[in-house]
C-alpha atoms as a PDB file:
ATOM      1  CA  UNK A   1    -160.716 -59.324 -75.155  1.00  0.00           C
ATOM      2  CA  UNK A   2    -160.582 -61.067 -78.354  1.00  0.00           C
ATOM      3  CA  UNK A   3    -164.194 -61.616 -78.058  1.00  0.00           C
ATOM      4  CA  UNK A   4    -164.471 -57.625 -78.312  1.00  0.00           C
ATOM      5  CA  UNK A   5    -162.537 -57.299 -81.049  1.00  0.00           C
ATOM      6  CA  UNK A   6    -164.427 -59.353 -83.098  1.00  0.00           C
ATOM      7  CA  UNK A   7    -167.679 -57.824 -81.859  1.00  0.00           C
ATOM      8  CA  UNK A   8    -166.157 -54.722 -83.007  1.00  0.00           C
ATOM      9  CA  UNK A   9    -164.875 -56.642 -86.376  1.00  0.00           C
ATOM     10  CA  UNK A  10    -168.454 -57.195 -86.977  1.00  0.00           C
ATOM     11  CA  UNK A  11    -170.184 -53.600 -86.355  1.00  0.00           C
ATOM     12  CA  UNK A  12    -167.904 -52.540 -88.861  1.00  0.00           C
ATOM     13  CA  UNK A  13    -168.426 -54.985 -92.093  1.00  0.00           C
ATOM     14  CA  UNK A  14    -172.262 -54.252 -91.440  1.00  0.00           C
ATOM     15  CA  UNK A  15    -171.175 -50.665 -92.370  1.00  0.00           C
ATOM     16  CA  UNK A  16    -169.590 -52.551 -95.693  1.00  0.00           C
ATOM     17  CA  UNK A  17    -172.484 -53.698 -97.576  1.00  0.00           C
ATOM     18  CA  UNK A  18    -170.841 -52.519-100.796  1.00  0.00           C
ATOM     19  CA  UNK A  19    -167.877 -54.063-100.729  1.00  0.00           C
ATOM     20  CA  UNK A  20    -169.852 -57.466 -99.548  1.00  0.00           C
ATOM     21  CA  UNK A  21    -171.699 -57.341-102.624  1.00  0.00           C
ATOM     22  CA  UNK A  22    -168.421 -56.564-104.588  1.00  0.00           C
ATOM     23  CA  UNK A  23    -166.754 -59.782-103.748  1.00  0.00           C
ATOM     24  CA  UNK A  24    -169.800 -61.752-103.686  1.00  0.00           C
ATOM     25  CA  UNK A  25    -170.623 -60.306-107.544  1.00  0.00           C
ATOM     26  CA  UNK A  26    -167.254 -60.747-108.329  1.00  0.00           C
ATOM     27  CA  UNK A  27    -166.965 -64.663-106.784  1.00  0.00           C
ATOM     28  CA  UNK A  28    -170.297 -65.145-108.545  1.00  0.00           C
ATOM     29  CA  UNK A  29    -168.533 -64.169-112.337  1.00  0.00           C
ATOM     30  CA  UNK A  30    -165.856 -65.976-111.298  1.00  0.00           C
ATOM     31  CA  UNK A  31    -167.569 -69.245-110.556  1.00  0.00           C
ATOM     32  CA  UNK A  32    -169.885 -68.865-113.500  1.00  0.00           C
ATOM     33  CA  UNK A  33    -166.760 -68.215-115.844  1.00  0.00           C
ATOM     34  CA  UNK A  34    -164.605 -71.110-114.477  1.00  0.00           C
ATOM     35  CA  UNK A  35    -167.777 -73.664-114.272  1.00  0.00           C
ATOM     36  CA  UNK A  36    -168.469 -72.602-118.344  1.00  0.00           C
ATOM     37  CA  UNK A  37    -164.662 -73.617-118.908  1.00  0.00           C
ATOM     38  CA  UNK A  38    -164.537 -76.763-117.374  1.00  0.00           C
ATOM     39  CA  UNK A  39    -167.837 -77.036-118.882  1.00  0.00           C
ATOM     40  CA  UNK A  40    -166.828 -76.420-122.220  1.00  0.00           C
ATOM     41  CA  UNK A  41    -163.937 -79.674-121.795  1.00  0.00           C
ATOM     42  CA  UNK A  42    -165.160 -81.985-120.387  1.00  0.00           C
ATOM     43  CA  UNK A  43    -168.485 -82.012-121.768  1.00  0.00           C
ATOM     44  CA  UNK A  44    -167.700 -82.809-125.030  1.00  0.00           C
ATOM     45  CA  UNK A  45    -165.626 -85.425-123.705  1.00  0.00           C
ATOM     46  CA  UNK A  46    -168.435 -87.400-121.520  1.00  0.00           C
ATOM     47  CA  UNK A  47    -169.678 -87.477-125.292  1.00  0.00           C
ATOM     48  CA  UNK A  48    -167.062 -89.336-126.688  1.00  0.00           C
ATOM     49  CA  UNK A  49    -166.672 -91.568-123.695  1.00  0.00           C
ATOM     50  CA  UNK A  50    -167.414 -94.872-124.680  1.00  0.00           C
ATOM     51  CA  UNK A  51    -171.239 -96.151-122.855  1.00  0.00           C
ATOM     52  CA  UNK A  52    -171.978 -99.481-120.804  1.00  0.00           C
ATOM     53  CA  UNK A  53    -173.317-101.404-124.175  1.00  0.00           C
ATOM     54  CA  UNK A  54    -169.437-101.226-125.384  1.00  0.00           C
ATOM     55  CA  UNK A  55    -166.727-103.500-124.105  1.00  0.00           C
ATOM     56  CA  UNK A  56    -164.325-102.784-121.670  1.00  0.00           C
ATOM     57  CA  UNK A  57    -161.347-102.896-124.589  1.00  0.00           C
ATOM     58  CA  UNK A  58    -163.288 -99.943-126.101  1.00  0.00           C
ATOM     59  CA  UNK A  59    -163.086 -97.748-122.656  1.00  0.00           C
ATOM     60  CA  UNK A  60    -159.439 -98.656-122.838  1.00  0.00           C
ATOM     61  CA  UNK A  61    -159.331 -97.366-126.693  1.00  0.00           C
ATOM     62  CA  UNK A  62    -160.604 -94.316-125.456  1.00  0.00           C
ATOM     63  CA  UNK A  63    -157.392 -93.933-122.621  1.00  0.00           C
ATOM     64  CA  UNK A  64    -155.170 -94.660-124.777  1.00  0.00           C
ATOM     65  CA  UNK A  65    -156.246 -92.059-127.745  1.00  0.00           C
ATOM     66  CA  UNK A  66    -156.564 -89.504-125.258  1.00  0.00           C
ATOM     67  CA  UNK A  67    -153.033 -90.029-123.432  1.00  0.00           C
ATOM     68  CA  UNK A  68    -151.516 -89.903-127.113  1.00  0.00           C
ATOM     69  CA  UNK A  69    -153.475 -86.589-127.882  1.00  0.00           C
ATOM     70  CA  UNK A  70    -152.237 -85.359-124.700  1.00  0.00           C
ATOM     71  CA  UNK A  71    -148.191 -86.966-125.111  1.00  0.00           C
ATOM     72  CA  UNK A  72    -147.659 -86.294-128.836  1.00  0.00           C
ATOM     73  CA  UNK A  73    -150.132 -83.466-129.771  1.00  0.00           C
ATOM     74  CA  UNK A  74    -150.693 -79.475-129.073  1.00  0.00           C
ATOM     75  CA  UNK A  75    -153.997 -80.289-127.800  1.00  0.00           C
ATOM     76  CA  UNK A  76    -153.774 -79.242-124.517  1.00  0.00           C
ATOM     77  CA  UNK A  77    -152.059 -76.011-124.953  1.00  0.00           C
ATOM     78  CA  UNK A  78    -155.363 -73.478-125.594  1.00  0.00           C
ATOM     79  CA  UNK A  79    -156.412 -74.845-122.495  1.00  0.00           C
ATOM     80  CA  UNK A  80    -152.951 -74.203-120.871  1.00  0.00           C
ATOM     81  CA  UNK A  81    -153.047 -70.886-122.153  1.00  0.00           C
ATOM     82  CA  UNK A  82    -156.606 -69.964-120.872  1.00  0.00           C
ATOM     83  CA  UNK A  83    -156.150 -71.542-117.603  1.00  0.00           C
ATOM     84  CA  UNK A  84    -152.677 -69.112-117.178  1.00  0.00           C
ATOM     85  CA  UNK A  85    -154.978 -66.334-118.624  1.00  0.00           C
ATOM     86  CA  UNK A  86    -157.854 -67.135-115.883  1.00  0.00           C
ATOM     87  CA  UNK A  87    -154.894 -67.596-113.009  1.00  0.00           C
ATOM     88  CA  UNK A  88    -152.873 -64.168-114.358  1.00  0.00           C
ATOM     89  CA  UNK A  89    -156.576 -62.069-114.679  1.00  0.00           C
ATOM     90  CA  UNK A  90    -157.559 -63.223-110.718  1.00  0.00           C
ATOM     91  CA  UNK A  91    -153.560 -62.403-109.555  1.00  0.00           C
ATOM     92  CA  UNK A  92    -154.352 -58.903-111.242  1.00  0.00           C
ATOM     93  CA  UNK A  93    -158.229 -58.373-110.121  1.00  0.00           C
ATOM     94  CA  UNK A  94    -158.068 -59.687-106.401  1.00  0.00           C
ATOM     95  CA  UNK A  95    -155.384 -56.925-104.754  1.00  0.00           C
ATOM     96  CA  UNK A  96    -157.507 -54.044-106.672  1.00  0.00           C
ATOM     97  CA  UNK A  97    -160.464 -55.150-105.353  1.00  0.00           C
ATOM     98  CA  UNK A  98    -158.384 -55.414-101.840  1.00  0.00           C
ATOM     99  CA  UNK A  99    -157.428 -52.046-102.546  1.00  0.00           C
ATOM    100  CA  UNK A 100    -160.996 -50.977-102.570  1.00  0.00           C
ATOM    101  CA  UNK A 101    -161.935 -53.306 -99.055  1.00  0.00           C
ATOM    102  CA  UNK A 102    -158.916 -51.776 -97.412  1.00  0.00           C
ATOM    103  CA  UNK A 103    -159.619 -47.732 -98.193  1.00  0.00           C
ATOM    104  CA  UNK A 104    -163.004 -48.411 -97.216  1.00  0.00           C
ATOM    105  CA  UNK A 105    -162.199 -49.521 -93.653  1.00  0.00           C
ATOM    106  CA  UNK A 106    -159.983 -46.417 -92.969  1.00  0.00           C
ATOM    107  CA  UNK A 107    -162.677 -43.678 -94.694  1.00  0.00           C
ATOM    108  CA  UNK A 108    -165.792 -44.972 -92.928  1.00  0.00           C
ATOM    109  CA  UNK A 109    -167.044 -40.990 -93.076  1.00  0.00           C
ATOM    110  CA  UNK A 110    -167.302 -41.214 -97.062  1.00  0.00           C
ATOM    111  CA  UNK A 111    -170.174 -42.269 -99.069  1.00  0.00           C
ATOM    112  CA  UNK A 112    -169.500 -46.664 -99.501  1.00  0.00           C
ATOM    113  CA  UNK A 113    -169.320 -46.374-103.514  1.00  0.00           C
ATOM    114  CA  UNK A 114    -166.656 -43.265-103.614  1.00  0.00           C
ATOM    115  CA  UNK A 115    -164.566 -44.929-101.000  1.00  0.00           C
ATOM    116  CA  UNK A 116    -164.134 -48.048-102.201  1.00  0.00           C
ATOM    117  CA  UNK A 117    -163.506 -46.802-106.186  1.00  0.00           C
ATOM    118  CA  UNK A 118    -161.248 -44.176-104.342  1.00  0.00           C
ATOM    119  CA  UNK A 119    -159.425 -47.229-103.067  1.00  0.00           C
ATOM    120  CA  UNK A 120    -158.986 -48.386-106.019  1.00  0.00           C
ATOM    121  CA  UNK A 121    -157.870 -45.566-107.488  1.00  0.00           C
ATOM    122  CA  UNK A 122    -155.165 -44.673-104.524  1.00  0.00           C
ATOM    123  CA  UNK A 123    -154.036 -47.994-103.793  1.00  0.00           C
ATOM    124  CA  UNK A 124    -154.345 -50.137-106.766  1.00  0.00           C
ATOM    125  CA  UNK A 125    -150.429 -50.076-108.008  1.00  0.00           C
ATOM    126  CA  UNK A 126    -149.289 -50.561-103.769  1.00  0.00           C
ATOM    127  CA  UNK A 127    -151.707 -53.420-102.934  1.00  0.00           C
ATOM    128  CA  UNK A 128    -150.503 -55.539-106.993  1.00  0.00           C
ATOM    129  CA  UNK A 129    -147.099 -55.466-105.345  1.00  0.00           C
ATOM    130  CA  UNK A 130    -147.421 -56.705-102.393  1.00  0.00           C
ATOM    131  CA  UNK A 131    -149.854 -59.194-104.169  1.00  0.00           C
ATOM    132  CA  UNK A 132    -146.954 -60.376-105.737  1.00  0.00           C
ATOM    133  CA  UNK A 133    -144.607 -60.584-102.789  1.00  0.00           C
ATOM    134  CA  UNK A 134    -147.011 -62.039-101.153  1.00  0.00           C
ATOM    135  CA  UNK A 135    -147.851 -65.152-103.875  1.00  0.00           C
ATOM    136  CA  UNK A 136    -143.744 -65.682-104.310  1.00  0.00           C
ATOM    137  CA  UNK A 137    -143.254 -65.744-100.924  1.00  0.00           C
ATOM    138  CA  UNK A 138    -146.008 -68.445-100.495  1.00  0.00           C
ATOM    139  CA  UNK A 139    -144.574 -70.639-103.317  1.00  0.00           C
ATOM    140  CA  UNK A 140    -141.027 -70.372-102.024  1.00  0.00           C
ATOM    141  CA  UNK A 141    -141.326 -73.631 -99.917  1.00  0.00           C
ATOM    142  CA  UNK A 142    -142.406 -75.336-102.485  1.00  0.00           C
ATOM    143  CA  UNK A 143    -139.223 -75.648-103.718  1.00  0.00           C
ATOM    144  CA  UNK A 144    -138.484 -77.725-100.889  1.00  0.00           C
ATOM    145  CA  UNK A 145    -141.662 -79.004-100.160  1.00  0.00           C
ATOM    146  CA  UNK A 146    -142.184 -80.563-103.381  1.00  0.00           C
ATOM    147  CA  UNK A 147    -139.130 -82.804-103.637  1.00  0.00           C
ATOM    148  CA  UNK A 148    -139.604 -84.049-100.149  1.00  0.00           C
ATOM    149  CA  UNK A 149    -143.361 -85.043-101.290  1.00  0.00           C
ATOM    150  CA  UNK A 150    -141.940 -86.658-104.304  1.00  0.00           C
ATOM    151  CA  UNK A 151    -138.997 -88.714-101.897  1.00  0.00           C
ATOM    152  CA  UNK A 152    -141.631 -89.829 -99.481  1.00  0.00           C
ATOM    153  CA  UNK A 153    -143.925 -90.265-102.530  1.00  0.00           C
ATOM    154  CA  UNK A 154    -141.590 -93.264-103.656  1.00  0.00           C
ATOM    155  CA  UNK A 155    -140.356 -94.607 -99.983  1.00  0.00           C
ATOM    156  CA  UNK A 156    -143.613 -95.275 -98.154  1.00  0.00           C
ATOM    157  CA  UNK A 157    -145.545 -98.571 -99.054  1.00  0.00           C
ATOM    158  CA  UNK A 158    -149.477 -97.141 -98.928  1.00  0.00           C
ATOM    159  CA  UNK A 159    -151.320 -94.083 -98.251  1.00  0.00           C
ATOM    160  CA  UNK A 160    -151.729 -94.161 -95.126  1.00  0.00           C
ATOM    161  CA  UNK A 161    -148.128 -93.804 -94.602  1.00  0.00           C
ATOM    162  CA  UNK A 162    -147.809 -91.488 -97.014  1.00  0.00           C
ATOM    163  CA  UNK A 163    -150.137 -89.261 -94.980  1.00  0.00           C
ATOM    164  CA  UNK A 164    -147.921 -89.553 -91.808  1.00  0.00           C
ATOM    165  CA  UNK A 165    -144.822 -89.017 -93.321  1.00  0.00           C
ATOM    166  CA  UNK A 166    -146.240 -86.023 -95.006  1.00  0.00           C
ATOM    167  CA  UNK A 167    -148.252 -84.650 -92.162  1.00  0.00           C
ATOM    168  CA  UNK A 168    -145.321 -82.946 -90.280  1.00  0.00           C
ATOM    169  CA  UNK A 169    -144.091 -80.692 -93.395  1.00  0.00           C
ATOM    170  CA  UNK A 170    -147.937 -79.662 -94.596  1.00  0.00           C
ATOM    171  CA  UNK A 171    -148.363 -78.731 -91.315  1.00  0.00           C
ATOM    172  CA  UNK A 172    -145.209 -76.196 -90.892  1.00  0.00           C
ATOM    173  CA  UNK A 173    -146.464 -75.220 -94.817  1.00  0.00           C
ATOM    174  CA  UNK A 174    -150.014 -74.394 -93.622  1.00  0.00           C
ATOM    175  CA  UNK A 175    -149.056 -72.890 -90.769  1.00  0.00           C
ATOM    176  CA  UNK A 176    -146.531 -70.483 -92.676  1.00  0.00           C
ATOM    177  CA  UNK A 177    -148.964 -69.814 -95.396  1.00  0.00           C
ATOM    178  CA  UNK A 178    -151.988 -68.656 -92.637  1.00  0.00           C
ATOM    179  CA  UNK A 179    -149.207 -66.259 -90.442  1.00  0.00           C
ATOM    180  CA  UNK A 180    -148.066 -64.573 -94.103  1.00  0.00           C
ATOM    181  CA  UNK A 181    -151.861 -63.907 -94.941  1.00  0.00           C
ATOM    182  CA  UNK A 182    -151.735 -62.307 -91.433  1.00  0.00           C
ATOM    183  CA  UNK A 183    -148.834 -60.304 -92.121  1.00  0.00           C
ATOM    184  CA  UNK A 184    -149.444 -59.405 -95.070  1.00  0.00           C
ATOM    185  CA  UNK A 185    -153.422 -58.369 -94.030  1.00  0.00           C
ATOM    186  CA  UNK A 186    -151.478 -55.791 -92.013  1.00  0.00           C
ATOM    187  CA  UNK A 187    -149.161 -54.580 -94.584  1.00  0.00           C
ATOM    188  CA  UNK A 188    -152.234 -53.477 -96.451  1.00  0.00           C
ATOM    189  CA  UNK A 189    -154.011 -52.230 -93.845  1.00  0.00           C
ATOM    190  CA  UNK A 190    -151.494 -49.821 -92.764  1.00  0.00           C
ATOM    191  CA  UNK A 191    -150.980 -48.685 -96.459  1.00  0.00           C
ATOM    192  CA  UNK A 192    -154.359 -47.646 -96.272  1.00  0.00           C
ATOM    193  CA  UNK A 193    -153.956 -45.926 -93.373  1.00  0.00           C
ATOM    194  CA  UNK A 194    -150.640 -44.081 -94.476  1.00  0.00           C
ATOM    195  CA  UNK A 195    -148.506 -45.443 -92.355  1.00  0.00           C
ATOM    196  CA  UNK A 196    -144.637 -46.750 -93.443  1.00  0.00           C
ATOM    197  CA  UNK A 197    -143.673 -50.690 -93.831  1.00  0.00           C
ATOM    198  CA  UNK A 198    -141.700 -50.648 -90.781  1.00  0.00           C
ATOM    199  CA  UNK A 199    -144.132 -49.036 -88.179  1.00  0.00           C
ATOM    200  CA  UNK A 200    -146.506 -51.818 -89.246  1.00  0.00           C
ATOM    201  CA  UNK A 201    -143.729 -54.094 -89.232  1.00  0.00           C
ATOM    202  CA  UNK A 202    -142.963 -53.213 -85.199  1.00  0.00           C
ATOM    203  CA  UNK A 203    -146.914 -53.573 -84.377  1.00  0.00           C
ATOM    204  CA  UNK A 204    -147.156 -56.607 -85.608  1.00  0.00           C
ATOM    205  CA  UNK A 205    -144.261 -58.241 -83.801  1.00  0.00           C
ATOM    206  CA  UNK A 206    -145.729 -56.654 -80.723  1.00  0.00           C
ATOM    207  CA  UNK A 207    -149.262 -57.686 -81.063  1.00  0.00           C
ATOM    208  CA  UNK A 208    -148.905 -60.724 -82.902  1.00  0.00           C
ATOM    209  CA  UNK A 209    -150.370 -63.171 -79.808  1.00  0.00           C
ATOM    210  CA  UNK A 210    -153.142 -61.421 -79.905  1.00  0.00           C
ATOM    211  CA  UNK A 211    -153.604 -60.981 -84.216  1.00  0.00           C
ATOM    212  CA  UNK A 212    -152.960 -64.828 -84.246  1.00  0.00           C
ATOM    213  CA  UNK A 213    -155.574 -65.622 -81.479  1.00  0.00           C
ATOM    214  CA  UNK A 214    -158.190 -63.461 -82.924  1.00  0.00           C
ATOM    215  CA  UNK A 215    -157.442 -64.279 -86.382  1.00  0.00           C
ATOM    216  CA  UNK A 216    -158.031 -68.430 -85.214  1.00  0.00           C
ATOM    217  CA  UNK A 217    -160.960 -67.658 -83.175  1.00  0.00           C
ATOM    218  CA  UNK A 218    -162.705 -65.714 -86.588  1.00  0.00           C
ATOM    219  CA  UNK A 219    -161.360 -68.750 -88.639  1.00  0.00           C
ATOM    220  CA  UNK A 220    -163.216 -71.486 -86.432  1.00  0.00           C
ATOM    221  CA  UNK A 221    -166.722 -69.506 -86.145  1.00  0.00           C
ATOM    222  CA  UNK A 222    -166.408 -69.547 -89.971  1.00  0.00           C
ATOM    223  CA  UNK A 223    -165.698 -73.386 -90.317  1.00  0.00           C
ATOM    224  CA  UNK A 224    -168.219 -74.196 -87.797  1.00  0.00           C
ATOM    225  CA  UNK A 225    -170.409 -72.198 -90.154  1.00  0.00           C
ATOM    226  CA  UNK A 226    -169.489 -73.165 -93.180  1.00  0.00           C
ATOM    227  CA  UNK A 227    -169.479 -76.840 -91.977  1.00  0.00           C
ATOM    228  CA  UNK A 228    -173.233 -76.405 -90.736  1.00  0.00           C
ATOM    229  CA  UNK A 229    -174.155 -75.267 -94.287  1.00  0.00           C
ATOM    230  CA  UNK A 230    -172.991 -78.293 -96.371  1.00  0.00           C
ATOM    231  CA  UNK A 231    -174.285 -80.670 -93.475  1.00  0.00           C
ATOM    232  CA  UNK A 232    -177.847 -79.054 -94.471  1.00  0.00           C
ATOM    233  CA  UNK A 233    -177.210 -79.718 -97.777  1.00  0.00           C
ATOM    234  CA  UNK A 234    -176.968 -82.891 -97.931  1.00  0.00           C
ATOM    235  CA  UNK A 235    -180.224 -83.244 -95.085  1.00  0.00           C
ATOM    236  CA  UNK A 236    -182.052 -80.888 -97.388  1.00  0.00           C
ATOM    237  CA  UNK A 237    -181.458 -82.319-100.828  1.00  0.00           C
ATOM    238  CA  UNK A 238    -183.161 -80.106-103.517  1.00  0.00           C
ATOM    239  CA  UNK A 239    -184.487 -76.782-103.813  1.00  0.00           C
ATOM    240  CA  UNK A 240    -183.991 -75.440-100.441  1.00  0.00           C
ATOM    241  CA  UNK A 241    -180.361 -76.703-100.424  1.00  0.00           C
ATOM    242  CA  UNK A 242    -179.766 -75.057-103.543  1.00  0.00           C
ATOM    243  CA  UNK A 243    -181.210 -71.499-102.276  1.00  0.00           C
ATOM    244  CA  UNK A 244    -179.439 -72.175 -98.743  1.00  0.00           C
ATOM    245  CA  UNK A 245    -175.958 -72.782-100.424  1.00  0.00           C
ATOM    246  CA  UNK A 246    -176.156 -69.507-102.945  1.00  0.00           C
ATOM    247  CA  UNK A 247    -177.345 -67.522 -99.471  1.00  0.00           C
ATOM    248  CA  UNK A 248    -174.401 -68.510 -98.145  1.00  0.00           C
ATOM    249  CA  UNK A 249    -171.936 -67.411-100.638  1.00  0.00           C
ATOM    250  CA  UNK A 250    -173.112 -63.986 -99.970  1.00  0.00           C
ATOM    251  CA  UNK A 251    -172.849 -65.127 -95.688  1.00  0.00           C
ATOM    252  CA  UNK A 252    -169.023 -66.174 -96.338  1.00  0.00           C
ATOM    253  CA  UNK A 253    -168.344 -62.815 -98.105  1.00  0.00           C
ATOM    254  CA  UNK A 254    -169.250 -61.140 -95.201  1.00  0.00           C
ATOM    255  CA  UNK A 255    -167.220 -63.623 -93.022  1.00  0.00           C
ATOM    256  CA  UNK A 256    -164.732 -62.704 -94.854  1.00  0.00           C
ATOM    257  CA  UNK A 257    -165.114 -59.086 -94.518  1.00  0.00           C
ATOM    258  CA  UNK A 258    -165.600 -59.584 -90.993  1.00  0.00           C
ATOM    259  CA  UNK A 259    -162.400 -61.906 -90.861  1.00  0.00           C
ATOM    260  CA  UNK A 260    -160.278 -58.774 -92.080  1.00  0.00           C
ATOM    261  CA  UNK A 261    -162.395 -56.034 -89.993  1.00  0.00           C
ATOM    262  CA  UNK A 262    -161.847 -57.577 -86.760  1.00  0.00           C
ATOM    263  CA  UNK A 263    -158.188 -57.121 -87.686  1.00  0.00           C
ATOM    264  CA  UNK A 264    -158.764 -53.693 -88.322  1.00  0.00           C
ATOM    265  CA  UNK A 265    -160.518 -52.780 -85.643  1.00  0.00           C
ATOM    266  CA  UNK A 266    -157.208 -54.164 -83.779  1.00  0.00           C
ATOM    267  CA  UNK A 267    -155.338 -52.002 -85.677  1.00  0.00           C
ATOM    268  CA  UNK A 268    -157.500 -48.950 -85.033  1.00  0.00           C
ATOM    269  CA  UNK A 269    -157.328 -49.461 -81.367  1.00  0.00           C
ATOM    270  CA  UNK A 270    -153.634 -50.153 -80.868  1.00  0.00           C
ATOM    271  CA  UNK A 271    -151.932 -48.001 -83.448  1.00  0.00           C
END
């Protein structure tokens, strides 16, 4: 049955070219902005780094000077503010884009661009609230996880032992975040479809096995495609790899839309 939802979700995703390209352009712009910011920090440092012709002591002096500037001056403060501003901007824009995407799925009879913009106008504030709640719940386990990691780091004698000790907690955290994302995906679908939160929660509880299994299958396909592209980039180095990687960015946005559309297809049939 899950293959039925996946096929139907694929068909729905094909009807969302505007949303897919909006996601692609958003992620492309974000990638360029992040790259330029990192470049503006890293390149000047590389110019100051001692070359091979200088002694080992010169390299050590470079690191000591860098540590002193980080610990004793406010050199890092502007970069922290920039990083915080970028994270805040992304946290603001992501739910706004989601509002347009989820509204577009529930209003296929409208013009693609119009329904996307209308979704932002109607649902931006509720989606911002849901995104804030999801972020808080996603980070909440770190209150217990971070001390556990620090404790294990001091207890274990090797990185292999550290990995084994952290594996159960890390697995539980990944599973928790995965289930939380699915839950909030349906809260957004329900909000875009005009259903109450209680109705959506009851629906998720009833259909949880199918929801999880379908999501895992879509994730598996996405992972296989991503792995194939990464492997091809190593084999076909040069211009071909660059073109393939840029095309994959657009494909990745379509696969992301497919993941949402598949769950929406299940919702539209069962709700």
